[in-house]
Amino acid sequence: MAQIYLPTPLRRLTSGQAKVVADGRTVEEALVALERQFPGLREQLREPTGEVRRFINVFVNGTEIRMLQGPATPLRDGDEVSIIPAMAGGTD
């Protein structure tokens, strides 16, 4: 099982848990398991097409999945998956 780290804005859907575990041989499978376990999470993470929203960054052991195999990135027991929303804003 992978350990999934969730940002503060999503913790309202996990009863305040910052870290949860999810089964899956790939990032996609782990996300689907996570979305089943915590209703409402899918709408926060996915586009209506099912793709991970472009402003949501998913890391496996510190590497962003877009630099790996995307949602098909394989997972091993004990891998750490971090879900990080992109930050924007600031001043000129």
PDB file of N, CA and C in Angstrom:
ATOM      1  N   MET A   1       0.830  -1.185   0.000  1.00  0.00           N
ATOM      2  CA  MET A   1       0.000   0.000   0.000  1.00  0.00           C
ATOM      3  C   MET A   1       0.874   1.247   0.000  1.00  0.00           C
ATOM      4  N   ALA A   2       0.419   2.246  -0.709  1.00  0.00           N
ATOM      5  CA  ALA A   2       1.127   3.524  -0.750  1.00  0.00           C
ATOM      6  C   ALA A   2       0.578   4.437   0.337  1.00  0.00           C
ATOM      7  N   GLN A   3       1.435   5.301   0.841  1.00  0.00           N
ATOM      8  CA  GLN A   3       0.999   6.330   1.779  1.00  0.00           C
ATOM      9  C   GLN A   3       0.721   7.589   0.968  1.00  0.00           C
ATOM     10  N   ILE A   4      -0.466   8.137   1.144  1.00  0.00           N
ATOM     11  CA  ILE A   4      -0.882   9.311   0.395  1.00  0.00           C
ATOM     12  C   ILE A   4      -0.910  10.503   1.343  1.00  0.00           C
ATOM     13  N   TYR A   5      -0.179  11.547   0.994  1.00  0.00           N
ATOM     14  CA  TYR A   5      -0.162  12.778   1.785  1.00  0.00           C
ATOM     15  C   TYR A   5      -1.083  13.798   1.124  1.00  0.00           C
ATOM     16  N   LEU A   6      -1.969  14.364   1.907  1.00  0.00           N
ATOM     17  CA  LEU A   6      -2.981  15.277   1.397  1.00  0.00           C
ATOM     18  C   LEU A   6      -2.762  16.693   1.913  1.00  0.00           C
ATOM     19  N   PRO A   7      -2.997  17.692   1.060  1.00  0.00           N
ATOM     20  CA  PRO A   7      -2.856  19.072   1.496  1.00  0.00           C
ATOM     21  C   PRO A   7      -4.022  19.480   2.398  1.00  0.00           C
ATOM     22  N   THR A   8      -3.825  20.512   3.155  1.00  0.00           N
ATOM     23  CA  THR A   8      -4.825  20.984   4.109  1.00  0.00           C
ATOM     24  C   THR A   8      -6.213  21.173   3.485  1.00  0.00           C
ATOM     25  N   PRO A   9      -6.355  21.787   2.305  1.00  0.00           N
ATOM     26  CA  PRO A   9      -7.704  21.985   1.761  1.00  0.00           C
ATOM     27  C   PRO A   9      -8.485  20.692   1.506  1.00  0.00           C
ATOM     28  N   LEU A  10      -7.803  19.578   1.296  1.00  0.00           N
ATOM     29  CA  LEU A  10      -8.501  18.315   1.038  1.00  0.00           C
ATOM     30  C   LEU A  10      -8.789  17.521   2.306  1.00  0.00           C
ATOM     31  N   ARG A  11      -8.203  17.909   3.394  1.00  0.00           N
ATOM     32  CA  ARG A  11      -8.356  17.150   4.643  1.00  0.00           C
ATOM     33  C   ARG A  11      -9.771  17.211   5.204  1.00  0.00           C
ATOM     34  N   ARG A  12     -10.555  18.185   4.773  1.00  0.00           N
ATOM     35  CA  ARG A  12     -11.958  18.239   5.230  1.00  0.00           C
ATOM     36  C   ARG A  12     -12.722  17.019   4.716  1.00  0.00           C
ATOM     37  N   LEU A  13     -12.235  16.407   3.638  1.00  0.00           N
ATOM     38  CA  LEU A  13     -12.868  15.225   3.073  1.00  0.00           C
ATOM     39  C   LEU A  13     -12.356  13.932   3.688  1.00  0.00           C
ATOM     40  N   THR A  14     -11.265  14.014   4.444  1.00  0.00           N
ATOM     41  CA  THR A  14     -10.661  12.833   5.068  1.00  0.00           C
ATOM     42  C   THR A  14     -10.748  12.893   6.592  1.00  0.00           C
ATOM     43  N   SER A  15     -11.718  13.632   7.100  1.00  0.00           N
ATOM     44  CA  SER A  15     -11.887  13.807   8.552  1.00  0.00           C
ATOM     45  C   SER A  15     -10.626  14.344   9.204  1.00  0.00           C
ATOM     46  N   GLY A  16      -9.921  15.216   8.482  1.00  0.00           N
ATOM     47  CA  GLY A  16      -8.738  15.870   9.026  1.00  0.00           C
ATOM     48  C   GLY A  16      -7.440  15.097   8.873  1.00  0.00           C
ATOM     49  N   GLN A  17      -7.491  13.909   8.294  1.00  0.00           N
ATOM     50  CA  GLN A  17      -6.276  13.102   8.149  1.00  0.00           C
ATOM     51  C   GLN A  17      -5.349  13.708   7.094  1.00  0.00           C
ATOM     52  N   ALA A  18      -4.102  13.871   7.446  1.00  0.00           N
ATOM     53  CA  ALA A  18      -3.104  14.393   6.509  1.00  0.00           C
ATOM     54  C   ALA A  18      -2.457  13.280   5.706  1.00  0.00           C
ATOM     55  N   LYS A  19      -2.487  12.055   6.246  1.00  0.00           N
ATOM     56  CA  LYS A  19      -1.867  10.906   5.598  1.00  0.00           C
ATOM     57  C   LYS A  19      -2.835   9.735   5.666  1.00  0.00           C
ATOM     58  N   VAL A  20      -3.059   9.102   4.513  1.00  0.00           N
ATOM     59  CA  VAL A  20      -3.914   7.923   4.443  1.00  0.00           C
ATOM     60  C   VAL A  20      -3.194   6.877   3.607  1.00  0.00           C
ATOM     61  N   VAL A  21      -3.686   5.659   3.611  1.00  0.00           N
ATOM     62  CA  VAL A  21      -3.097   4.614   2.775  1.00  0.00           C
ATOM     63  C   VAL A  21      -4.105   4.218   1.712  1.00  0.00           C
ATOM     64  N   ALA A  22      -3.589   3.794   0.559  1.00  0.00           N
ATOM     65  CA  ALA A  22      -4.452   3.357  -0.535  1.00  0.00           C
ATOM     66  C   ALA A  22      -3.775   2.221  -1.281  1.00  0.00           C
ATOM     67  N   ASP A  23      -4.583   1.239  -1.655  1.00  0.00           N
ATOM     68  CA  ASP A  23      -4.098   0.136  -2.479  1.00  0.00           C
ATOM     69  C   ASP A  23      -4.022   0.575  -3.924  1.00  0.00           C
ATOM     70  N   GLY A  24      -3.119  -0.015  -4.651  1.00  0.00           N
ATOM     71  CA  GLY A  24      -3.018   0.232  -6.082  1.00  0.00           C
ATOM     72  C   GLY A  24      -1.632  -0.088  -6.575  1.00  0.00           C
ATOM     73  N   ARG A  25      -1.576  -0.672  -7.762  1.00  0.00           N
ATOM     74  CA  ARG A  25      -0.277  -0.973  -8.371  1.00  0.00           C
ATOM     75  C   ARG A  25       0.250   0.205  -9.155  1.00  0.00           C
ATOM     76  N   THR A  26      -0.641   1.188  -9.420  1.00  0.00           N
ATOM     77  CA  THR A  26      -0.249   2.404 -10.133  1.00  0.00           C
ATOM     78  C   THR A  26      -0.823   3.607  -9.402  1.00  0.00           C
ATOM     79  N   VAL A  27      -0.357   4.790  -9.765  1.00  0.00           N
ATOM     80  CA  VAL A  27      -0.918   6.014  -9.187  1.00  0.00           C
ATOM     81  C   VAL A  27      -2.411   6.079  -9.478  1.00  0.00           C
ATOM     82  N   GLU A  28      -2.807   5.769 -10.697  1.00  0.00           N
ATOM     83  CA  GLU A  28      -4.229   5.799 -11.069  1.00  0.00           C
ATOM     84  C   GLU A  28      -5.054   4.896 -10.168  1.00  0.00           C
ATOM     85  N   GLU A  29      -4.608   3.668  -9.961  1.00  0.00           N
ATOM     86  CA  GLU A  29      -5.342   2.732  -9.109  1.00  0.00           C
ATOM     87  C   GLU A  29      -5.419   3.239  -7.674  1.00  0.00           C
ATOM     88  N   ALA A  30      -4.352   3.814  -7.175  1.00  0.00           N
ATOM     89  CA  ALA A  30      -4.347   4.350  -5.815  1.00  0.00           C
ATOM     90  C   ALA A  30      -5.300   5.540  -5.704  1.00  0.00           C
ATOM     91  N   LEU A  31      -5.328   6.406  -6.715  1.00  0.00           N
ATOM     92  CA  LEU A  31      -6.243   7.543  -6.688  1.00  0.00           C
ATOM     93  C   LEU A  31      -7.691   7.076  -6.726  1.00  0.00           C
ATOM     94  N   VAL A  32      -7.994   6.084  -7.541  1.00  0.00           N
ATOM     95  CA  VAL A  32      -9.359   5.548  -7.602  1.00  0.00           C
ATOM     96  C   VAL A  32      -9.763   4.971  -6.245  1.00  0.00           C
ATOM     97  N   ALA A  33      -8.860   4.223  -5.612  1.00  0.00           N
ATOM     98  CA  ALA A  33      -9.145   3.670  -4.287  1.00  0.00           C
ATOM     99  C   ALA A  33      -9.367   4.782  -3.271  1.00  0.00           C
ATOM    100  N   LEU A  34      -8.560   5.819  -3.351  1.00  0.00           N
ATOM    101  CA  LEU A  34      -8.683   6.960  -2.444  1.00  0.00           C
ATOM    102  C   LEU A  34     -10.021   7.674  -2.656  1.00  0.00           C
ATOM    103  N   GLU A  35     -10.399   7.845  -3.907  1.00  0.00           N
ATOM    104  CA  GLU A  35     -11.658   8.522  -4.231  1.00  0.00           C
ATOM    105  C   GLU A  35     -12.857   7.709  -3.766  1.00  0.00           C
ATOM    106  N   ARG A  36     -12.748   6.384  -3.803  1.00  0.00           N
ATOM    107  CA  ARG A  36     -13.821   5.523  -3.291  1.00  0.00           C
ATOM    108  C   ARG A  36     -13.921   5.621  -1.773  1.00  0.00           C
ATOM    109  N   GLN A  37     -12.785   5.713  -1.131  1.00  0.00           N
ATOM    110  CA  GLN A  37     -12.730   5.756   0.334  1.00  0.00           C
ATOM    111  C   GLN A  37     -13.236   7.089   0.877  1.00  0.00           C
ATOM    112  N   PHE A  38     -13.022   8.175   0.125  1.00  0.00           N
ATOM    113  CA  PHE A  38     -13.382   9.513   0.604  1.00  0.00           C
ATOM    114  C   PHE A  38     -14.247  10.229  -0.433  1.00  0.00           C
ATOM    115  N   PRO A  39     -15.567  10.077  -0.316  1.00  0.00           N
ATOM    116  CA  PRO A  39     -16.478  10.724  -1.267  1.00  0.00           C
ATOM    117  C   PRO A  39     -16.233  12.230  -1.338  1.00  0.00           C
ATOM    118  N   GLY A  40     -16.305  12.753  -2.560  1.00  0.00           N
ATOM    119  CA  GLY A  40     -16.083  14.173  -2.788  1.00  0.00           C
ATOM    120  C   GLY A  40     -14.668  14.490  -3.229  1.00  0.00           C
ATOM    121  N   LEU A  41     -13.758  13.567  -3.003  1.00  0.00           N
ATOM    122  CA  LEU A  41     -12.363  13.805  -3.357  1.00  0.00           C
ATOM    123  C   LEU A  41     -12.163  13.825  -4.880  1.00  0.00           C
ATOM    124  N   ARG A  42     -12.889  12.959  -5.574  1.00  0.00           N
ATOM    125  CA  ARG A  42     -12.751  12.897  -7.033  1.00  0.00           C
ATOM    126  C   ARG A  42     -13.026  14.257  -7.674  1.00  0.00           C
ATOM    127  N   GLU A  43     -14.062  14.930  -7.237  1.00  0.00           N
ATOM    128  CA  GLU A  43     -14.417  16.225  -7.814  1.00  0.00           C
ATOM    129  C   GLU A  43     -13.325  17.267  -7.585  1.00  0.00           C
ATOM    130  N   GLN A  44     -12.563  17.104  -6.532  1.00  0.00           N
ATOM    131  CA  GLN A  44     -11.479  18.035  -6.244  1.00  0.00           C
ATOM    132  C   GLN A  44     -10.220  17.730  -7.057  1.00  0.00           C
ATOM    133  N   LEU A  45     -10.012  16.461  -7.379  1.00  0.00           N
ATOM    134  CA  LEU A  45      -8.774  16.040  -8.041  1.00  0.00           C
ATOM    135  C   LEU A  45      -8.884  15.915  -9.559  1.00  0.00           C
ATOM    136  N   ARG A  46     -10.084  15.680 -10.072  1.00  0.00           N
ATOM    137  CA  ARG A  46     -10.238  15.311 -11.479  1.00  0.00           C
ATOM    138  C   ARG A  46     -11.043  16.320 -12.282  1.00  0.00           C
ATOM    139  N   GLU A  47     -10.706  16.389 -13.558  1.00  0.00           N
ATOM    140  CA  GLU A  47     -11.527  17.099 -14.532  1.00  0.00           C
ATOM    141  C   GLU A  47     -12.748  16.214 -14.815  1.00  0.00           C
ATOM    142  N   PRO A  48     -13.811  16.765 -15.403  1.00  0.00           N
ATOM    143  CA  PRO A  48     -14.950  15.913 -15.774  1.00  0.00           C
ATOM    144  C   PRO A  48     -14.569  14.763 -16.706  1.00  0.00           C
ATOM    145  N   THR A  49     -13.480  14.917 -17.451  1.00  0.00           N
ATOM    146  CA  THR A  49     -13.001  13.866 -18.347  1.00  0.00           C
ATOM    147  C   THR A  49     -12.319  12.723 -17.605  1.00  0.00           C
ATOM    148  N   GLY A  50     -12.020  12.921 -16.312  1.00  0.00           N
ATOM    149  CA  GLY A  50     -11.332  11.905 -15.521  1.00  0.00           C
ATOM    150  C   GLY A  50      -9.842  12.161 -15.363  1.00  0.00           C
ATOM    151  N   GLU A  51      -9.312  13.112 -16.128  1.00  0.00           N
ATOM    152  CA  GLU A  51      -7.891  13.452 -16.010  1.00  0.00           C
ATOM    153  C   GLU A  51      -7.644  14.192 -14.695  1.00  0.00           C
ATOM    154  N   VAL A  52      -6.445  14.012 -14.127  1.00  0.00           N
ATOM    155  CA  VAL A  52      -6.072  14.785 -12.945  1.00  0.00           C
ATOM    156  C   VAL A  52      -6.022  16.255 -13.354  1.00  0.00           C
ATOM    157  N   ARG A  53      -6.629  17.117 -12.552  1.00  0.00           N
ATOM    158  CA  ARG A  53      -6.670  18.547 -12.871  1.00  0.00           C
ATOM    159  C   ARG A  53      -5.239  19.070 -13.063  1.00  0.00           C
ATOM    160  N   ARG A  54      -5.093  20.004 -13.999  1.00  0.00           N
ATOM    161  CA  ARG A  54      -3.746  20.472 -14.345  1.00  0.00           C
ATOM    162  C   ARG A  54      -3.091  21.243 -13.207  1.00  0.00           C
ATOM    163  N   PHE A  55      -3.893  21.797 -12.279  1.00  0.00           N
ATOM    164  CA  PHE A  55      -3.302  22.525 -11.157  1.00  0.00           C
ATOM    165  C   PHE A  55      -3.056  21.629  -9.948  1.00  0.00           C
ATOM    166  N   ILE A  56      -3.293  20.338 -10.107  1.00  0.00           N
ATOM    167  CA  ILE A  56      -2.987  19.378  -9.047  1.00  0.00           C
ATOM    168  C   ILE A  56      -1.715  18.640  -9.455  1.00  0.00           C
ATOM    169  N   ASN A  57      -0.708  18.708  -8.627  1.00  0.00           N
ATOM    170  CA  ASN A  57       0.548  18.009  -8.869  1.00  0.00           C
ATOM    171  C   ASN A  57       0.596  16.778  -7.973  1.00  0.00           C
ATOM    172  N   VAL A  58       0.961  15.657  -8.563  1.00  0.00           N
ATOM    173  CA  VAL A  58       1.062  14.408  -7.821  1.00  0.00           C
ATOM    174  C   VAL A  58       2.514  13.948  -7.902  1.00  0.00           C
ATOM    175  N   PHE A  59       3.096  13.698  -6.746  1.00  0.00           N
ATOM    176  CA  PHE A  59       4.493  13.279  -6.652  1.00  0.00           C
ATOM    177  C   PHE A  59       4.561  11.860  -6.092  1.00  0.00           C
ATOM    178  N   VAL A  60       5.480  11.070  -6.607  1.00  0.00           N
ATOM    179  CA  VAL A  60       5.773   9.751  -6.052  1.00  0.00           C
ATOM    180  C   VAL A  60       7.215   9.790  -5.577  1.00  0.00           C
ATOM    181  N   ASN A  61       7.393   9.625  -4.292  1.00  0.00           N
ATOM    182  CA  ASN A  61       8.731   9.663  -3.690  1.00  0.00           C
ATOM    183  C   ASN A  61       9.507  10.900  -4.124  1.00  0.00           C
ATOM    184  N   GLY A  62       8.800  12.037  -4.193  1.00  0.00           N
ATOM    185  CA  GLY A  62       9.443  13.309  -4.478  1.00  0.00           C
ATOM    186  C   GLY A  62       9.562  13.692  -5.941  1.00  0.00           C
ATOM    187  N   THR A  63       9.127  12.838  -6.860  1.00  0.00           N
ATOM    188  CA  THR A  63       9.196  13.148  -8.291  1.00  0.00           C
ATOM    189  C   THR A  63       7.785  13.285  -8.844  1.00  0.00           C
ATOM    190  N   GLU A  64       7.551  14.379  -9.562  1.00  0.00           N
ATOM    191  CA  GLU A  64       6.231  14.657 -10.122  1.00  0.00           C
ATOM    192  C   GLU A  64       5.912  13.600 -11.182  1.00  0.00           C
ATOM    193  N   ILE A  65       4.671  13.069 -11.165  1.00  0.00           N
ATOM    194  CA  ILE A  65       4.344  11.953 -12.056  1.00  0.00           C
ATOM    195  C   ILE A  65       4.398  12.334 -13.530  1.00  0.00           C
ATOM    196  N   ARG A  66       4.292  13.626 -13.854  1.00  0.00           N
ATOM    197  CA  ARG A  66       4.408  14.031 -15.261  1.00  0.00           C
ATOM    198  C   ARG A  66       5.822  13.786 -15.782  1.00  0.00           C
ATOM    199  N   MET A  67       6.780  13.699 -14.883  1.00  0.00           N
ATOM    200  CA  MET A  67       8.168  13.404 -15.256  1.00  0.00           C
ATOM    201  C   MET A  67       8.423  11.888 -15.251  1.00  0.00           C
ATOM    202  N   LEU A  68       7.447  11.132 -14.766  1.00  0.00           N
ATOM    203  CA  LEU A  68       7.562   9.672 -14.722  1.00  0.00           C
ATOM    204  C   LEU A  68       6.657   9.098 -15.814  1.00  0.00           C
ATOM    205  N   GLN A  69       5.700   8.274 -15.429  1.00  0.00           N
ATOM    206  CA  GLN A  69       4.788   7.651 -16.392  1.00  0.00           C
ATOM    207  C   GLN A  69       3.360   8.155 -16.222  1.00  0.00           C
ATOM    208  N   GLY A  70       3.230   9.364 -15.655  1.00  0.00           N
ATOM    209  CA  GLY A  70       1.891   9.920 -15.437  1.00  0.00           C
ATOM    210  C   GLY A  70       1.105   9.032 -14.493  1.00  0.00           C
ATOM    211  N   PRO A  71      -0.219   8.946 -14.675  1.00  0.00           N
ATOM    212  CA  PRO A  71      -1.040   8.112 -13.795  1.00  0.00           C
ATOM    213  C   PRO A  71      -0.670   6.632 -13.834  1.00  0.00           C
ATOM    214  N   ALA A  72       0.025   6.201 -14.886  1.00  0.00           N
ATOM    215  CA  ALA A  72       0.440   4.802 -14.992  1.00  0.00           C
ATOM    216  C   ALA A  72       1.724   4.512 -14.207  1.00  0.00           C
ATOM    217  N   THR A  73       2.248   5.507 -13.508  1.00  0.00           N
ATOM    218  CA  THR A  73       3.466   5.311 -12.712  1.00  0.00           C
ATOM    219  C   THR A  73       3.248   4.177 -11.711  1.00  0.00           C
ATOM    220  N   PRO A  74       4.105   3.161 -11.732  1.00  0.00           N
ATOM    221  CA  PRO A  74       3.939   2.036 -10.810  1.00  0.00           C
ATOM    222  C   PRO A  74       4.208   2.440  -9.362  1.00  0.00           C
ATOM    223  N   LEU A  75       3.528   1.763  -8.456  1.00  0.00           N
ATOM    224  CA  LEU A  75       3.724   1.972  -7.015  1.00  0.00           C
ATOM    225  C   LEU A  75       4.131   0.667  -6.364  1.00  0.00           C
ATOM    226  N   ARG A  76       4.987   0.788  -5.348  1.00  0.00           N
ATOM    227  CA  ARG A  76       5.376  -0.348  -4.518  1.00  0.00           C
ATOM    228  C   ARG A  76       4.911  -0.070  -3.092  1.00  0.00           C
ATOM    229  N   ASP A  77       4.802  -1.110  -2.303  1.00  0.00           N
ATOM    230  CA  ASP A  77       4.447  -0.927  -0.898  1.00  0.00           C
ATOM    231  C   ASP A  77       5.392   0.068  -0.258  1.00  0.00           C
ATOM    232  N   GLY A  78       4.834   1.007   0.469  1.00  0.00           N
ATOM    233  CA  GLY A  78       5.634   1.983   1.181  1.00  0.00           C
ATOM    234  C   GLY A  78       5.963   3.232   0.395  1.00  0.00           C
ATOM    235  N   ASP A  79       5.630   3.267  -0.905  1.00  0.00           N
ATOM    236  CA  ASP A  79       5.873   4.486  -1.673  1.00  0.00           C
ATOM    237  C   ASP A  79       5.061   5.634  -1.078  1.00  0.00           C
ATOM    238  N   GLU A  80       5.602   6.827  -1.207  1.00  0.00           N
ATOM    239  CA  GLU A  80       4.920   8.024  -0.715  1.00  0.00           C
ATOM    240  C   GLU A  80       4.390   8.819  -1.900  1.00  0.00           C
ATOM    241  N   VAL A  81       3.089   9.056  -1.888  1.00  0.00           N
ATOM    242  CA  VAL A  81       2.420   9.837  -2.924  1.00  0.00           C
ATOM    243  C   VAL A  81       1.944  11.126  -2.265  1.00  0.00           C
ATOM    244  N   SER A  82       2.365  12.250  -2.811  1.00  0.00           N
ATOM    245  CA  SER A  82       1.958  13.551  -2.283  1.00  0.00           C
ATOM    246  C   SER A  82       1.097  14.257  -3.314  1.00  0.00           C
ATOM    247  N   ILE A  83      -0.042  14.757  -2.853  1.00  0.00           N
ATOM    248  CA  ILE A  83      -0.939  15.526  -3.712  1.00  0.00           C
ATOM    249  C   ILE A  83      -0.770  16.987  -3.326  1.00  0.00           C
ATOM    250  N   ILE A  84      -0.315  17.781  -4.273  1.00  0.00           N
ATOM    251  CA  ILE A  84       0.018  19.182  -3.994  1.00  0.00           C
ATOM    252  C   ILE A  84      -0.704  20.084  -4.995  1.00  0.00           C
ATOM    253  N   PRO A  85      -1.591  20.955  -4.515  1.00  0.00           N
ATOM    254  CA  PRO A  85      -2.204  21.913  -5.453  1.00  0.00           C
ATOM    255  C   PRO A  85      -1.180  22.974  -5.829  1.00  0.00           C
ATOM    256  N   ALA A  86      -1.203  23.394  -7.088  1.00  0.00           N
ATOM    257  CA  ALA A  86      -0.288  24.421  -7.559  1.00  0.00           C
ATOM    258  C   ALA A  86      -0.627  25.751  -6.885  1.00  0.00           C
ATOM    259  N   MET A  87       0.377  26.544  -6.660  1.00  0.00           N
ATOM    260  CA  MET A  87       0.208  27.864  -6.065  1.00  0.00           C
ATOM    261  C   MET A  87       0.315  28.896  -7.167  1.00  0.00           C
ATOM    262  N   ALA A  88      -0.474  29.944  -7.071  1.00  0.00           N
ATOM    263  CA  ALA A  88      -0.414  31.032  -8.042  1.00  0.00           C
ATOM    264  C   ALA A  88      -0.663  32.332  -7.309  1.00  0.00           C
ATOM    265  N   GLY A  89      -0.297  33.398  -7.969  1.00  0.00           N
ATOM    266  CA  GLY A  89      -0.564  34.708  -7.387  1.00  0.00           C
ATOM    267  C   GLY A  89       0.713  35.448  -7.079  1.00  0.00           C
ATOM    268  N   GLY A  90       0.580  36.472  -6.310  1.00  0.00           N
ATOM    269  CA  GLY A  90       1.734  37.304  -5.966  1.00  0.00           C
ATOM    270  C   GLY A  90       1.585  38.688  -6.566  1.00  0.00           C
ATOM    271  N   THR A  91       2.620  39.459  -6.455  1.00  0.00           N
ATOM    272  CA  THR A  91       2.600  40.803  -6.987  1.00  0.00           C
ATOM    273  C   THR A  91       3.750  40.991  -7.959  1.00  0.00           C
ATOM    274  N   ASP A  92       3.607  42.015  -8.791  1.00  0.00           N
ATOM    275  CA  ASP A  92       4.673  42.322  -9.768  1.00  0.00           C
ATOM    276  C   ASP A  92       5.847  43.005  -9.108  1.00  0.00           C
TER     277      ASP A  92
END
